Amino acid sequence: MLKENHQKEIADILSRYPVKRSALIPLLYLAQREHGYITEPAMREIAGLLSLTPSQVYETATFYTMLNLKKVGKYHIQVCRSLMCALVGSDTVIRWLKTKLGISPGESTSDGLFTLTAVECLAACGTGPMMQINEDYYERLTEEKVDRILTDLRTTGTSPLKSGPFMWPERAQASG
Protein backbone atom coordinates (compact mmCIF):
# COMPACT_ATOMS: atom_id res chain seq x y z
CA MET A 1 0.00 0.00 0.00
CA LEU A 2 2.98 2.31 0.41
CA LYS A 3 3.51 2.49 -3.32
CA GLU A 4 -0.14 3.41 -3.90
CA ASN A 5 -0.27 6.04 -1.15
CA HIS A 6 3.20 7.56 -1.55
CA GLN A 7 4.25 6.95 -5.14
CA LYS A 8 5.78 10.40 -5.67
CA GLU A 9 7.60 10.42 -2.33
CA ILE A 10 9.01 6.92 -2.96
CA ALA A 11 10.22 7.99 -6.40
CA ASP A 12 11.86 11.05 -4.84
CA ILE A 13 13.58 8.92 -2.16
CA LEU A 14 14.82 6.38 -4.71
CA SER A 15 16.15 9.14 -6.99
CA ARG A 16 18.54 10.30 -4.25
CA TYR A 17 20.44 7.02 -4.05
CA PRO A 18 22.52 5.53 -6.87
CA VAL A 19 22.44 2.18 -5.02
CA LYS A 20 18.77 1.34 -4.37
CA ARG A 21 19.34 -0.49 -1.08
CA SER A 22 20.69 2.78 0.38
CA ALA A 23 17.09 4.04 0.42
CA LEU A 24 16.12 1.39 3.00
CA ILE A 25 16.06 3.57 6.11
CA PRO A 26 14.22 6.50 4.47
CA LEU A 27 11.61 4.04 3.16
CA LEU A 28 11.28 2.43 6.59
CA TYR A 29 10.69 5.91 8.04
CA LEU A 30 8.02 6.51 5.43
CA ALA A 31 6.33 3.22 6.34
CA GLN A 32 6.51 4.10 10.03
CA ARG A 33 4.96 7.49 9.40
CA GLU A 34 2.03 5.77 7.68
CA HIS A 35 0.93 3.70 10.72
CA GLY A 36 3.11 4.82 13.61
CA TYR A 37 5.11 1.62 13.26
CA ILE A 38 6.44 -0.61 10.48
CA THR A 39 4.08 -3.39 9.46
CA GLU A 40 5.11 -6.75 7.96
CA PRO A 41 3.35 -5.98 4.68
CA ALA A 42 5.28 -2.69 4.48
CA MET A 43 8.58 -4.52 5.03
CA ARG A 44 7.69 -6.99 2.26
CA GLU A 45 6.76 -4.14 -0.06
CA ILE A 46 10.00 -2.28 0.69
CA ALA A 47 11.97 -5.48 0.07
CA GLY A 48 10.35 -5.71 -3.36
CA LEU A 49 11.06 -2.07 -4.16
CA LEU A 50 14.74 -2.46 -3.29
CA SER A 51 15.32 -6.01 -4.58
CA LEU A 52 16.08 -7.20 -1.04
CA THR A 53 14.75 -10.16 0.89
CA PRO A 54 12.17 -9.46 3.60
CA SER A 55 14.67 -10.73 6.18
CA GLN A 56 17.23 -8.11 5.07
CA VAL A 57 14.65 -5.39 5.63
CA TYR A 58 13.67 -6.93 8.99
CA GLU A 59 17.34 -7.02 10.09
CA THR A 60 17.63 -3.28 9.56
CA ALA A 61 14.23 -2.48 11.09
CA THR A 62 15.11 -4.37 14.28
CA PHE A 63 18.60 -2.88 14.60
CA TYR A 64 17.64 0.78 15.02
CA THR A 65 15.72 1.94 18.09
CA MET A 66 14.10 4.77 16.15
CA LEU A 67 12.20 2.21 14.09
CA ASN A 68 9.22 0.52 15.72
CA LEU A 69 7.74 -2.86 14.81
CA LYS A 70 4.75 -2.50 17.07
CA LYS A 71 2.40 0.32 17.86
CA VAL A 72 3.75 2.91 20.27
CA GLY A 73 1.96 5.64 22.17
CA LYS A 74 1.54 9.19 20.95
CA TYR A 75 4.61 10.03 23.02
CA HIS A 76 7.37 7.45 22.74
CA ILE A 77 9.64 7.95 25.74
CA GLN A 78 13.09 6.45 25.21
CA VAL A 79 15.37 6.63 28.23
CA CYS A 80 19.09 6.29 27.57
CA ARG A 81 20.57 3.57 29.75
CA SER A 82 24.14 3.55 28.45
CA LEU A 83 26.98 3.62 30.96
CA MET A 84 27.33 7.41 31.07
CA CYS A 85 23.60 7.95 31.71
CA ALA A 86 23.49 5.03 34.15
CA LEU A 87 26.26 6.62 36.19
CA VAL A 88 24.20 9.80 36.60
CA GLY A 89 20.83 8.18 37.29
CA SER A 90 19.05 6.77 34.24
CA ASP A 91 17.76 3.83 36.32
CA THR A 92 16.17 6.37 38.66
CA VAL A 93 14.52 8.14 35.70
CA ILE A 94 13.10 4.82 34.51
CA ARG A 95 11.82 4.11 38.03
CA TRP A 96 10.12 7.55 38.20
CA LEU A 97 8.48 6.98 34.82
CA LYS A 98 7.34 3.48 35.79
CA THR A 99 5.72 4.90 38.92
CA LYS A 100 4.18 7.97 37.27
CA LEU A 101 2.87 6.15 34.17
CA GLY A 102 2.13 2.75 35.71
CA ILE A 103 4.03 0.92 32.96
CA SER A 104 7.36 -0.83 32.54
CA PRO A 105 9.78 -0.50 29.63
CA GLY A 106 8.24 -2.05 26.54
CA GLU A 107 4.69 -1.15 27.60
CA SER A 108 2.21 1.58 26.73
CA THR A 109 -0.34 3.34 28.90
CA SER A 110 -3.92 2.12 28.48
CA ASP A 111 -4.93 5.46 26.95
CA GLY A 112 -2.27 5.06 24.24
CA LEU A 113 -0.60 8.30 25.22
CA PHE A 114 2.81 7.04 26.39
CA THR A 115 5.16 4.16 25.56
CA LEU A 116 8.28 3.65 27.67
CA THR A 117 11.44 2.13 26.22
CA ALA A 118 14.94 1.77 27.65
CA VAL A 119 17.51 2.23 24.87
CA GLU A 120 21.24 2.32 24.41
CA CYS A 121 23.18 5.49 23.79
CA LEU A 122 21.34 8.52 22.43
CA ALA A 123 24.60 10.50 22.09
CA ALA A 124 24.10 12.99 24.90
CA CYS A 125 26.73 11.58 27.23
CA GLY A 126 27.65 14.92 28.78
CA THR A 127 24.08 15.90 29.63
CA GLY A 128 22.58 12.79 31.22
CA PRO A 129 20.43 11.46 32.53
CA MET A 130 18.38 12.07 29.42
CA MET A 131 15.49 10.79 27.39
CA GLN A 132 14.14 11.26 23.91
CA ILE A 133 10.40 11.71 23.40
CA ASN A 134 9.50 11.31 19.75
CA GLU A 135 12.09 13.56 18.06
CA ASP A 136 12.92 15.77 21.07
CA TYR A 137 15.69 15.40 23.65
CA TYR A 138 15.24 16.18 27.36
CA GLU A 139 18.51 16.36 29.25
CA ARG A 140 19.85 16.76 32.80
CA LEU A 141 16.65 15.20 34.08
CA THR A 142 15.42 15.57 37.62
CA GLU A 143 12.19 14.25 39.07
CA GLU A 144 10.71 17.75 38.89
CA LYS A 145 11.62 18.04 35.19
CA VAL A 146 10.10 14.63 34.44
CA ASP A 147 6.87 15.65 36.21
CA ARG A 148 6.74 18.92 34.27
CA ILE A 149 7.43 17.22 30.92
CA LEU A 150 4.66 14.66 31.45
CA THR A 151 2.21 17.37 32.56
CA ASP A 152 3.11 19.56 29.58
CA LEU A 153 2.67 16.71 27.12
CA ARG A 154 -0.70 15.78 28.59
CA THR A 155 -1.99 19.36 28.53
CA THR A 156 -0.38 21.09 25.54
CA GLY A 157 1.32 18.32 23.55
CA THR A 158 4.77 19.89 23.89
CA SER A 159 7.18 20.98 26.60
CA PRO A 160 9.51 23.99 26.72
CA LEU A 161 12.00 21.78 28.57
CA LYS A 162 13.04 20.04 25.36
CA SER A 163 16.63 20.75 24.50
CA GLY A 164 16.59 19.77 20.85
CA PRO A 165 18.61 17.04 19.23
CA PHE A 166 21.46 17.41 21.73
CA MET A 167 23.30 19.92 23.91
CA TRP A 168 27.05 20.27 23.98
CA PRO A 169 28.54 19.46 27.37
CA GLU A 170 29.14 22.63 29.31
CA ARG A 171 32.42 23.55 30.88
CA ALA A 172 32.49 22.91 34.62
CA GLN A 173 32.17 26.14 36.62
CA ALA A 174 35.17 26.93 38.77
CA SER A 175 34.22 27.10 42.41
CA GLY A 176 35.37 29.88 44.64
C-alpha atoms as a PDB file:
ATOM      1  CA  MET A   1       0.000   0.000   0.000  1.00  0.00           C
ATOM      2  CA  LEU A   2       2.985   2.313   0.408  1.00  0.00           C
ATOM      3  CA  LYS A   3       3.510   2.487  -3.324  1.00  0.00           C
ATOM      4  CA  GLU A   4      -0.145   3.407  -3.899  1.00  0.00           C
ATOM      5  CA  ASN A   5      -0.271   6.037  -1.149  1.00  0.00           C
ATOM      6  CA  HIS A   6       3.201   7.556  -1.552  1.00  0.00           C
ATOM      7  CA  GLN A   7       4.253   6.947  -5.141  1.00  0.00           C
ATOM      8  CA  LYS A   8       5.780  10.400  -5.671  1.00  0.00           C
ATOM      9  CA  GLU A   9       7.605  10.420  -2.331  1.00  0.00           C
ATOM     10  CA  ILE A  10       9.007   6.925  -2.959  1.00  0.00           C
ATOM     11  CA  ALA A  11      10.218   7.989  -6.403  1.00  0.00           C
ATOM     12  CA  ASP A  12      11.861  11.048  -4.844  1.00  0.00           C
ATOM     13  CA  ILE A  13      13.581   8.923  -2.165  1.00  0.00           C
ATOM     14  CA  LEU A  14      14.818   6.379  -4.711  1.00  0.00           C
ATOM     15  CA  SER A  15      16.148   9.141  -6.988  1.00  0.00           C
ATOM     16  CA  ARG A  16      18.536  10.303  -4.247  1.00  0.00           C
ATOM     17  CA  TYR A  17      20.435   7.021  -4.054  1.00  0.00           C
ATOM     18  CA  PRO A  18      22.522   5.526  -6.871  1.00  0.00           C
ATOM     19  CA  VAL A  19      22.439   2.184  -5.022  1.00  0.00           C
ATOM     20  CA  LYS A  20      18.772   1.336  -4.371  1.00  0.00           C
ATOM     21  CA  ARG A  21      19.343  -0.486  -1.078  1.00  0.00           C
ATOM     22  CA  SER A  22      20.688   2.780   0.377  1.00  0.00           C
ATOM     23  CA  ALA A  23      17.090   4.035   0.418  1.00  0.00           C
ATOM     24  CA  LEU A  24      16.122   1.391   2.997  1.00  0.00           C
ATOM     25  CA  ILE A  25      16.059   3.574   6.106  1.00  0.00           C
ATOM     26  CA  PRO A  26      14.218   6.500   4.474  1.00  0.00           C
ATOM     27  CA  LEU A  27      11.608   4.037   3.156  1.00  0.00           C
ATOM     28  CA  LEU A  28      11.276   2.434   6.589  1.00  0.00           C
ATOM     29  CA  TYR A  29      10.689   5.914   8.040  1.00  0.00           C
ATOM     30  CA  LEU A  30       8.017   6.506   5.426  1.00  0.00           C
ATOM     31  CA  ALA A  31       6.334   3.217   6.340  1.00  0.00           C
ATOM     32  CA  GLN A  32       6.507   4.096  10.033  1.00  0.00           C
ATOM     33  CA  ARG A  33       4.957   7.494   9.400  1.00  0.00           C
ATOM     34  CA  GLU A  34       2.033   5.769   7.679  1.00  0.00           C
ATOM     35  CA  HIS A  35       0.927   3.699  10.716  1.00  0.00           C
ATOM     36  CA  GLY A  36       3.110   4.825  13.607  1.00  0.00           C
ATOM     37  CA  TYR A  37       5.111   1.616  13.256  1.00  0.00           C
ATOM     38  CA  ILE A  38       6.443  -0.610  10.479  1.00  0.00           C
ATOM     39  CA  THR A  39       4.081  -3.395   9.462  1.00  0.00           C
ATOM     40  CA  GLU A  40       5.113  -6.748   7.964  1.00  0.00           C
ATOM     41  CA  PRO A  41       3.354  -5.984   4.678  1.00  0.00           C
ATOM     42  CA  ALA A  42       5.283  -2.690   4.485  1.00  0.00           C
ATOM     43  CA  MET A  43       8.576  -4.522   5.027  1.00  0.00           C
ATOM     44  CA  ARG A  44       7.693  -6.994   2.262  1.00  0.00           C
ATOM     45  CA  GLU A  45       6.758  -4.135  -0.057  1.00  0.00           C
ATOM     46  CA  ILE A  46      10.002  -2.275   0.694  1.00  0.00           C
ATOM     47  CA  ALA A  47      11.966  -5.478   0.071  1.00  0.00           C
ATOM     48  CA  GLY A  48      10.352  -5.710  -3.359  1.00  0.00           C
ATOM     49  CA  LEU A  49      11.061  -2.067  -4.162  1.00  0.00           C
ATOM     50  CA  LEU A  50      14.739  -2.458  -3.292  1.00  0.00           C
ATOM     51  CA  SER A  51      15.319  -6.010  -4.580  1.00  0.00           C
ATOM     52  CA  LEU A  52      16.076  -7.195  -1.036  1.00  0.00           C
ATOM     53  CA  THR A  53      14.749 -10.158   0.888  1.00  0.00           C
ATOM     54  CA  PRO A  54      12.171  -9.458   3.603  1.00  0.00           C
ATOM     55  CA  SER A  55      14.675 -10.729   6.175  1.00  0.00           C
ATOM     56  CA  GLN A  56      17.233  -8.113   5.068  1.00  0.00           C
ATOM     57  CA  VAL A  57      14.646  -5.390   5.632  1.00  0.00           C
ATOM     58  CA  TYR A  58      13.670  -6.926   8.990  1.00  0.00           C
ATOM     59  CA  GLU A  59      17.338  -7.020  10.093  1.00  0.00           C
ATOM     60  CA  THR A  60      17.627  -3.280   9.559  1.00  0.00           C
ATOM     61  CA  ALA A  61      14.233  -2.484  11.085  1.00  0.00           C
ATOM     62  CA  THR A  62      15.105  -4.369  14.280  1.00  0.00           C
ATOM     63  CA  PHE A  63      18.597  -2.884  14.602  1.00  0.00           C
ATOM     64  CA  TYR A  64      17.641   0.779  15.017  1.00  0.00           C
ATOM     65  CA  THR A  65      15.723   1.936  18.094  1.00  0.00           C
ATOM     66  CA  MET A  66      14.099   4.772  16.148  1.00  0.00           C
ATOM     67  CA  LEU A  67      12.200   2.206  14.091  1.00  0.00           C
ATOM     68  CA  ASN A  68       9.216   0.515  15.722  1.00  0.00           C
ATOM     69  CA  LEU A  69       7.740  -2.858  14.805  1.00  0.00           C
ATOM     70  CA  LYS A  70       4.749  -2.496  17.072  1.00  0.00           C
ATOM     71  CA  LYS A  71       2.397   0.319  17.858  1.00  0.00           C
ATOM     72  CA  VAL A  72       3.749   2.915  20.271  1.00  0.00           C
ATOM     73  CA  GLY A  73       1.961   5.645  22.173  1.00  0.00           C
ATOM     74  CA  LYS A  74       1.537   9.185  20.947  1.00  0.00           C
ATOM     75  CA  TYR A  75       4.607  10.032  23.025  1.00  0.00           C
ATOM     76  CA  HIS A  76       7.374   7.449  22.740  1.00  0.00           C
ATOM     77  CA  ILE A  77       9.644   7.952  25.739  1.00  0.00           C
ATOM     78  CA  GLN A  78      13.086   6.454  25.210  1.00  0.00           C
ATOM     79  CA  VAL A  79      15.368   6.632  28.226  1.00  0.00           C
ATOM     80  CA  CYS A  80      19.091   6.286  27.568  1.00  0.00           C
ATOM     81  CA  ARG A  81      20.572   3.569  29.752  1.00  0.00           C
ATOM     82  CA  SER A  82      24.136   3.550  28.449  1.00  0.00           C
ATOM     83  CA  LEU A  83      26.979   3.618  30.957  1.00  0.00           C
ATOM     84  CA  MET A  84      27.327   7.413  31.070  1.00  0.00           C
ATOM     85  CA  CYS A  85      23.604   7.949  31.712  1.00  0.00           C
ATOM     86  CA  ALA A  86      23.486   5.027  34.151  1.00  0.00           C
ATOM     87  CA  LEU A  87      26.257   6.623  36.189  1.00  0.00           C
ATOM     88  CA  VAL A  88      24.198   9.802  36.603  1.00  0.00           C
ATOM     89  CA  GLY A  89      20.831   8.177  37.288  1.00  0.00           C
ATOM     90  CA  SER A  90      19.046   6.770  34.239  1.00  0.00           C
ATOM     91  CA  ASP A  91      17.761   3.835  36.316  1.00  0.00           C
ATOM     92  CA  THR A  92      16.172   6.367  38.660  1.00  0.00           C
ATOM     93  CA  VAL A  93      14.524   8.142  35.703  1.00  0.00           C
ATOM     94  CA  ILE A  94      13.105   4.815  34.506  1.00  0.00           C
ATOM     95  CA  ARG A  95      11.820   4.109  38.028  1.00  0.00           C
ATOM     96  CA  TRP A  96      10.120   7.549  38.198  1.00  0.00           C
ATOM     97  CA  LEU A  97       8.478   6.985  34.820  1.00  0.00           C
ATOM     98  CA  LYS A  98       7.337   3.478  35.791  1.00  0.00           C
ATOM     99  CA  THR A  99       5.719   4.903  38.915  1.00  0.00           C
ATOM    100  CA  LYS A 100       4.180   7.968  37.266  1.00  0.00           C
ATOM    101  CA  LEU A 101       2.875   6.152  34.174  1.00  0.00           C
ATOM    102  CA  GLY A 102       2.127   2.747  35.706  1.00  0.00           C
ATOM    103  CA  ILE A 103       4.026   0.918  32.957  1.00  0.00           C
ATOM    104  CA  SER A 104       7.362  -0.834  32.539  1.00  0.00           C
ATOM    105  CA  PRO A 105       9.781  -0.501  29.635  1.00  0.00           C
ATOM    106  CA  GLY A 106       8.239  -2.052  26.541  1.00  0.00           C
ATOM    107  CA  GLU A 107       4.693  -1.153  27.596  1.00  0.00           C
ATOM    108  CA  SER A 108       2.209   1.576  26.725  1.00  0.00           C
ATOM    109  CA  THR A 109      -0.337   3.335  28.904  1.00  0.00           C
ATOM    110  CA  SER A 110      -3.922   2.120  28.479  1.00  0.00           C
ATOM    111  CA  ASP A 111      -4.929   5.459  26.951  1.00  0.00           C
ATOM    112  CA  GLY A 112      -2.272   5.056  24.238  1.00  0.00           C
ATOM    113  CA  LEU A 113      -0.596   8.298  25.219  1.00  0.00           C
ATOM    114  CA  PHE A 114       2.812   7.043  26.395  1.00  0.00           C
ATOM    115  CA  THR A 115       5.159   4.163  25.565  1.00  0.00           C
ATOM    116  CA  LEU A 116       8.277   3.646  27.674  1.00  0.00           C
ATOM    117  CA  THR A 117      11.439   2.129  26.220  1.00  0.00           C
ATOM    118  CA  ALA A 118      14.937   1.774  27.651  1.00  0.00           C
ATOM    119  CA  VAL A 119      17.509   2.230  24.873  1.00  0.00           C
ATOM    120  CA  GLU A 120      21.238   2.324  24.414  1.00  0.00           C
ATOM    121  CA  CYS A 121      23.184   5.488  23.787  1.00  0.00           C
ATOM    122  CA  LEU A 122      21.342   8.523  22.427  1.00  0.00           C
ATOM    123  CA  ALA A 123      24.601  10.503  22.094  1.00  0.00           C
ATOM    124  CA  ALA A 124      24.096  12.994  24.903  1.00  0.00           C
ATOM    125  CA  CYS A 125      26.732  11.581  27.230  1.00  0.00           C
ATOM    126  CA  GLY A 126      27.652  14.923  28.778  1.00  0.00           C
ATOM    127  CA  THR A 127      24.077  15.903  29.633  1.00  0.00           C
ATOM    128  CA  GLY A 128      22.584  12.794  31.223  1.00  0.00           C
ATOM    129  CA  PRO A 129      20.434  11.463  32.526  1.00  0.00           C
ATOM    130  CA  MET A 130      18.383  12.073  29.417  1.00  0.00           C
ATOM    131  CA  MET A 131      15.491  10.789  27.385  1.00  0.00           C
ATOM    132  CA  GLN A 132      14.138  11.261  23.906  1.00  0.00           C
ATOM    133  CA  ILE A 133      10.405  11.710  23.402  1.00  0.00           C
ATOM    134  CA  ASN A 134       9.496  11.308  19.755  1.00  0.00           C
ATOM    135  CA  GLU A 135      12.089  13.563  18.063  1.00  0.00           C
ATOM    136  CA  ASP A 136      12.923  15.767  21.071  1.00  0.00           C
ATOM    137  CA  TYR A 137      15.687  15.399  23.652  1.00  0.00           C
ATOM    138  CA  TYR A 138      15.236  16.176  27.357  1.00  0.00           C
ATOM    139  CA  GLU A 139      18.506  16.363  29.246  1.00  0.00           C
ATOM    140  CA  ARG A 140      19.848  16.758  32.797  1.00  0.00           C
ATOM    141  CA  LEU A 141      16.651  15.205  34.080  1.00  0.00           C
ATOM    142  CA  THR A 142      15.418  15.572  37.621  1.00  0.00           C
ATOM    143  CA  GLU A 143      12.189  14.248  39.071  1.00  0.00           C
ATOM    144  CA  GLU A 144      10.708  17.753  38.887  1.00  0.00           C
ATOM    145  CA  LYS A 145      11.624  18.035  35.190  1.00  0.00           C
ATOM    146  CA  VAL A 146      10.104  14.628  34.437  1.00  0.00           C
ATOM    147  CA  ASP A 147       6.872  15.646  36.210  1.00  0.00           C
ATOM    148  CA  ARG A 148       6.737  18.922  34.267  1.00  0.00           C
ATOM    149  CA  ILE A 149       7.434  17.221  30.923  1.00  0.00           C
ATOM    150  CA  LEU A 150       4.657  14.664  31.449  1.00  0.00           C
ATOM    151  CA  THR A 151       2.214  17.367  32.555  1.00  0.00           C
ATOM    152  CA  ASP A 152       3.112  19.561  29.581  1.00  0.00           C
ATOM    153  CA  LEU A 153       2.667  16.710  27.118  1.00  0.00           C
ATOM    154  CA  ARG A 154      -0.705  15.785  28.592  1.00  0.00           C
ATOM    155  CA  THR A 155      -1.995  19.359  28.527  1.00  0.00           C
ATOM    156  CA  THR A 156      -0.382  21.087  25.541  1.00  0.00           C
ATOM    157  CA  GLY A 157       1.323  18.320  23.548  1.00  0.00           C
ATOM    158  CA  THR A 158       4.771  19.892  23.888  1.00  0.00           C
ATOM    159  CA  SER A 159       7.178  20.978  26.595  1.00  0.00           C
ATOM    160  CA  PRO A 160       9.512  23.989  26.720  1.00  0.00           C
ATOM    161  CA  LEU A 161      12.003  21.781  28.570  1.00  0.00           C
ATOM    162  CA  LYS A 162      13.041  20.036  25.356  1.00  0.00           C
ATOM    163  CA  SER A 163      16.629  20.751  24.504  1.00  0.00           C
ATOM    164  CA  GLY A 164      16.591  19.768  20.852  1.00  0.00           C
ATOM    165  CA  PRO A 165      18.606  17.044  19.227  1.00  0.00           C
ATOM    166  CA  PHE A 166      21.456  17.409  21.733  1.00  0.00           C
ATOM    167  CA  MET A 167      23.297  19.920  23.906  1.00  0.00           C
ATOM    168  CA  TRP A 168      27.054  20.268  23.981  1.00  0.00           C
ATOM    169  CA  PRO A 169      28.539  19.457  27.372  1.00  0.00           C
ATOM    170  CA  GLU A 170      29.135  22.627  29.305  1.00  0.00           C
ATOM    171  CA  ARG A 171      32.418  23.550  30.885  1.00  0.00           C
ATOM    172  CA  ALA A 172      32.493  22.912  34.624  1.00  0.00           C
ATOM    173  CA  GLN A 173      32.166  26.138  36.623  1.00  0.00           C
ATOM    174  CA  ALA A 174      35.173  26.927  38.766  1.00  0.00           C
ATOM    175  CA  SER A 175      34.222  27.103  42.412  1.00  0.00           C
ATOM    176  CA  GLY A 176      35.367  29.882  44.643  1.00  0.00           C
END
